[in-house]
Amino acid sequence: MKQKIVVLTGAGISAESGIKTFRDSGGLWENHRVEDVASPEGWYNDQQLVLNFYNERRKQLLDCKPNRAHFALAELESKYDVTIITQNVDDLHERGGSTNIIHLHGELLKARSSVDENLVYNWKKDISEGDTCEKGSQLRPHIVWFGEAVPMMETAVPIVRDADIFIVVGTSLVVYPAAGLVNYTPYEIPKWLIDPNDMPLPRVHHLKFINEKATIGVDYLVNLLLNES
């Protein structure tokens, strides 16, 4: 039976593909206050602004390509049972070849009903005012905004508890609730954190730090794991 690797990824792995992060503009996201474009209050106050914002993000994503880190994680599936748990809303893991991905914060290439979160649609074009679900309600981006619950955490936690190896890439383990997943890992398993920034490491047993950007650090670790198996 293959060992189970669980990988938690954040904005740092997609940044090298050209995807902008929240921190690029000192608290602003593409010149917008995060609260105005990524919260239920922002949606209530100005739906058109929110739709326009995510329409632009969607267009940007379609012009971006997966990088070496995405492809390398997919290569792990040749010898391991791999689950990617990502905070990112892009589809770069899918395009990189990974086949088992949990999106904690939603997906940019999907839209959902604003009255029934179970009505979700694949969506690569703009979402416009007047685009409605089958219940007649305005469609919104399929994104978990600040202040909203993160329902996929309930799916992620049992998977993390069953991991044989846990890897964190491109997130500093400060964005909750996703950062709390490391606390559900088995005590004895190896854990790796890949990040280019010097940081105080969380108090996690058997944690090793690779001080590199995602493309370099992931490639190094994947080669190490594939040669060990």
Protein backbone atom coordinates (compact mmCIF):
# COMPACT_ATOMS: atom_id res chain seq x y z
CA MET A 1 0.00 0.00 0.00
CA LYS A 2 1.29 3.46 -0.90
CA GLN A 3 2.23 5.87 1.88
CA LYS A 4 -0.10 8.85 2.19
CA ILE A 5 1.32 12.30 1.58
CA VAL A 6 -0.80 15.34 2.39
CA VAL A 7 0.34 18.69 1.00
CA LEU A 8 -1.04 22.00 2.24
CA THR A 9 -0.41 24.77 -0.28
CA GLY A 10 -0.87 28.53 -0.15
CA ALA A 11 -0.33 31.64 -2.23
CA GLY A 12 3.44 31.19 -2.45
CA ILE A 13 3.22 28.21 -4.80
CA SER A 14 1.05 30.12 -7.30
CA ALA A 15 2.94 33.42 -7.01
CA GLU A 16 5.71 32.02 -9.23
CA SER A 17 3.07 31.48 -11.93
CA GLY A 18 2.11 35.16 -11.77
CA ILE A 19 -0.93 34.90 -9.49
CA LYS A 20 -1.11 37.97 -7.26
CA THR A 21 -1.32 37.55 -3.49
CA PHE A 22 -3.07 39.62 -0.83
CA ARG A 23 0.24 40.90 0.49
CA ASP A 24 1.49 42.35 -2.78
CA SER A 25 0.09 45.80 -2.10
CA GLY A 26 0.41 46.42 1.62
CA GLY A 27 -3.04 45.19 2.58
CA LEU A 28 -4.67 46.05 -0.74
CA TRP A 29 -5.54 43.53 -3.41
CA GLU A 30 -5.23 44.97 -6.90
CA ASN A 31 -5.84 48.45 -5.41
CA HIS A 32 -8.98 47.33 -3.55
CA ARG A 33 -9.52 46.96 0.17
CA VAL A 34 -9.81 43.25 0.82
CA GLU A 35 -13.00 43.86 2.81
CA ASP A 36 -14.64 45.46 -0.23
CA VAL A 37 -14.08 42.53 -2.60
CA ALA A 38 -13.72 39.46 -0.39
CA SER A 39 -16.41 39.63 2.27
CA PRO A 40 -20.19 39.19 2.48
CA GLU A 41 -20.42 42.89 3.41
CA GLY A 42 -18.58 43.88 0.24
CA TRP A 43 -20.99 41.75 -1.82
CA TYR A 44 -23.98 43.31 -0.09
CA ASN A 45 -22.65 46.85 -0.62
CA ASP A 46 -21.54 46.60 -4.27
CA GLN A 47 -22.18 43.41 -6.22
CA GLN A 48 -20.91 44.91 -9.46
CA LEU A 49 -17.54 45.81 -7.93
CA VAL A 50 -17.13 42.28 -6.57
CA LEU A 51 -18.15 40.66 -9.87
CA ASN A 52 -15.79 42.89 -11.85
CA PHE A 53 -12.94 42.12 -9.46
CA TYR A 54 -13.29 38.35 -9.78
CA ASN A 55 -13.90 38.57 -13.51
CA GLU A 56 -10.47 40.19 -13.82
CA ARG A 57 -8.89 37.57 -11.55
CA ARG A 58 -10.46 34.84 -13.69
CA LYS A 59 -9.05 36.31 -16.89
CA GLN A 60 -5.63 36.58 -15.28
CA LEU A 61 -5.75 32.96 -14.15
CA LEU A 62 -6.56 31.71 -17.64
CA ASP A 63 -3.35 33.40 -18.87
CA CYS A 64 -1.20 31.77 -16.16
CA LYS A 65 0.41 28.35 -16.29
CA PRO A 66 1.45 25.84 -13.63
CA ASN A 67 5.08 26.02 -12.56
CA ARG A 68 7.69 23.41 -11.66
CA ALA A 69 6.33 23.07 -8.11
CA HIS A 70 2.87 22.10 -9.38
CA PHE A 71 4.32 19.55 -11.81
CA ALA A 72 6.66 18.10 -9.19
CA LEU A 73 3.84 17.50 -6.70
CA ALA A 74 1.95 15.63 -9.41
CA GLU A 75 5.00 13.39 -9.94
CA LEU A 76 4.70 12.18 -6.34
CA GLU A 77 1.57 10.26 -7.35
CA SER A 78 3.76 7.71 -9.15
CA LYS A 79 4.85 6.27 -5.78
CA TYR A 80 2.58 7.85 -3.14
CA ASP A 81 -1.09 8.38 -2.36
CA VAL A 82 -1.15 12.19 -2.54
CA THR A 83 -3.82 14.64 -1.44
CA ILE A 84 -3.37 18.35 -2.10
CA ILE A 85 -5.21 20.62 0.33
CA THR A 86 -4.97 24.12 -1.06
CA GLN A 87 -5.92 27.56 0.16
CA ASN A 88 -5.62 28.77 -3.44
CA VAL A 89 -8.64 29.32 -5.66
CA ASP A 90 -6.80 28.72 -8.95
CA ASP A 91 -6.73 25.48 -10.93
CA LEU A 92 -2.96 25.25 -11.33
CA HIS A 93 -2.69 22.01 -9.34
CA GLU A 94 -5.23 20.41 -11.66
CA ARG A 95 -3.42 21.66 -14.74
CA GLY A 96 -0.12 20.55 -13.22
CA GLY A 97 -1.39 16.97 -13.15
CA SER A 98 -2.45 16.40 -9.54
CA THR A 99 -5.63 14.34 -9.32
CA ASN A 100 -6.81 14.61 -5.70
CA ILE A 101 -7.30 18.23 -4.65
CA ILE A 102 -9.34 19.82 -1.88
CA HIS A 103 -9.99 23.54 -2.33
CA LEU A 104 -10.52 25.02 1.12
CA HIS A 105 -11.37 28.51 -0.08
CA GLY A 106 -13.36 27.76 -3.22
CA GLU A 107 -12.56 27.85 -6.91
CA LEU A 108 -12.27 30.85 -9.19
CA LEU A 109 -13.46 28.89 -12.22
CA LYS A 110 -16.79 28.10 -10.60
CA ALA A 111 -19.87 30.17 -9.76
CA ARG A 112 -22.56 29.43 -7.25
CA SER A 113 -26.03 30.49 -6.24
CA SER A 114 -26.22 33.33 -3.75
CA VAL A 115 -29.11 31.58 -1.96
CA ASP A 116 -28.09 27.91 -2.15
CA GLU A 117 -24.38 27.12 -1.74
CA ASN A 118 -24.97 23.60 -3.06
CA LEU A 119 -25.77 24.95 -6.54
CA VAL A 120 -22.29 25.24 -8.07
CA TYR A 121 -21.48 25.62 -11.77
CA ASN A 122 -18.29 25.40 -13.82
CA TRP A 123 -17.68 28.94 -15.05
CA LYS A 124 -14.79 30.29 -17.13
CA LYS A 125 -16.44 33.43 -18.53
CA ASP A 126 -17.46 36.63 -16.73
CA ILE A 127 -20.19 36.50 -14.12
CA SER A 128 -22.57 39.35 -14.91
CA GLU A 129 -25.44 40.92 -13.02
CA GLY A 130 -28.50 39.00 -14.16
CA ASP A 131 -26.73 35.64 -14.39
CA THR A 132 -28.86 33.46 -12.15
CA CYS A 133 -29.03 29.95 -10.76
CA GLU A 134 -31.94 27.58 -11.39
CA LYS A 135 -33.72 29.12 -8.41
CA GLY A 136 -33.56 32.55 -10.01
CA SER A 137 -30.92 33.98 -7.65
CA GLN A 138 -27.87 35.99 -8.72
CA LEU A 139 -24.71 33.95 -9.22
CA ARG A 140 -21.66 34.87 -7.13
CA PRO A 141 -18.03 33.71 -7.22
CA HIS A 142 -17.55 30.27 -5.66
CA ILE A 143 -15.12 31.73 -3.13
CA VAL A 144 -15.04 31.48 0.65
CA TRP A 145 -14.86 35.10 1.74
CA PHE A 146 -13.56 36.48 5.00
CA GLY A 147 -16.17 35.95 7.67
CA GLU A 148 -17.66 32.87 5.98
CA ALA A 149 -17.36 29.27 7.15
CA VAL A 150 -14.82 26.96 5.52
CA PRO A 151 -16.91 23.82 4.97
CA MET A 152 -14.13 21.78 3.33
CA MET A 153 -12.21 21.78 6.62
CA GLU A 154 -14.48 18.93 7.70
CA THR A 155 -13.23 16.94 4.72
CA ALA A 156 -9.59 17.91 5.21
CA VAL A 157 -9.14 17.09 8.90
CA PRO A 158 -9.63 13.28 8.69
CA ILE A 159 -7.25 13.14 5.71
CA VAL A 160 -4.56 15.02 7.64
CA ARG A 161 -5.03 12.72 10.64
CA ASP A 162 -4.29 9.74 8.37
CA ALA A 163 -1.16 11.18 6.75
CA ASP A 164 2.23 9.43 6.71
CA ILE A 165 4.04 12.58 5.52
CA PHE A 166 2.83 16.19 5.73
CA ILE A 167 4.20 18.97 3.52
CA VAL A 168 3.45 22.70 3.67
CA VAL A 169 4.28 24.88 0.65
CA GLY A 170 3.81 28.59 0.12
CA THR A 171 1.95 29.45 3.30
CA SER A 172 3.37 30.73 6.57
CA LEU A 173 0.91 28.79 8.74
CA VAL A 174 -0.72 31.97 10.03
CA VAL A 175 -3.96 31.93 7.97
CA TYR A 176 -6.61 30.14 9.97
CA PRO A 177 -8.41 27.81 9.97
CA ALA A 178 -6.12 26.19 7.36
CA ALA A 179 -2.99 26.76 9.45
CA GLY A 180 -4.54 24.68 12.22
CA LEU A 181 -4.43 21.55 10.05
CA VAL A 182 -0.83 20.89 11.09
CA ASN A 183 -2.13 20.32 14.63
CA TYR A 184 -4.10 17.29 13.42
CA THR A 185 -1.07 15.50 11.97
CA PRO A 186 0.13 12.36 13.74
CA TYR A 187 2.87 13.18 16.25
CA GLU A 188 5.50 10.85 14.82
CA ILE A 189 5.28 11.55 11.07
CA PRO A 190 7.82 13.69 9.16
CA LYS A 191 6.64 17.20 8.37
CA TRP A 192 8.21 19.63 5.92
CA LEU A 193 7.74 23.39 5.56
CA ILE A 194 8.94 25.01 2.32
CA ASP A 195 9.12 28.80 2.38
CA PRO A 196 11.68 31.38 1.17
CA ASN A 197 11.18 33.66 4.17
CA ASP A 198 12.96 33.36 7.48
CA MET A 199 10.29 32.94 10.11
CA PRO A 200 9.76 31.63 13.61
CA LEU A 201 8.84 28.00 13.08
CA PRO A 202 5.65 26.72 14.69
CA ARG A 203 6.12 24.32 17.59
CA VAL A 204 5.46 21.16 15.63
CA HIS A 205 7.24 17.88 16.29
CA HIS A 206 9.45 16.40 13.57
CA LEU A 207 9.27 19.56 11.43
CA LYS A 208 12.01 20.26 8.89
CA PHE A 209 12.37 23.62 7.14
CA ILE A 210 13.45 24.12 3.52
CA ASN A 211 14.32 27.80 3.11
CA GLU A 212 13.60 28.06 -0.63
CA LYS A 213 10.90 29.34 -2.96
CA ALA A 214 8.35 26.76 -4.03
CA THR A 215 9.81 25.78 -7.41
CA ILE A 216 13.22 24.99 -5.90
CA GLY A 217 12.12 23.58 -2.55
CA VAL A 218 9.37 21.33 -3.88
CA ASP A 219 11.59 19.96 -6.64
CA TYR A 220 14.28 19.13 -4.07
CA LEU A 221 11.87 17.43 -1.66
CA VAL A 222 10.02 15.50 -4.35
CA ASN A 223 13.29 14.08 -5.69
CA LEU A 224 14.27 13.12 -2.14
CA LEU A 225 10.96 11.35 -1.50
CA LEU A 226 10.89 9.56 -4.84
CA ASN A 227 14.42 8.24 -4.30
CA GLU A 228 13.53 7.05 -0.78
CA SER A 229 10.41 5.12 -1.75
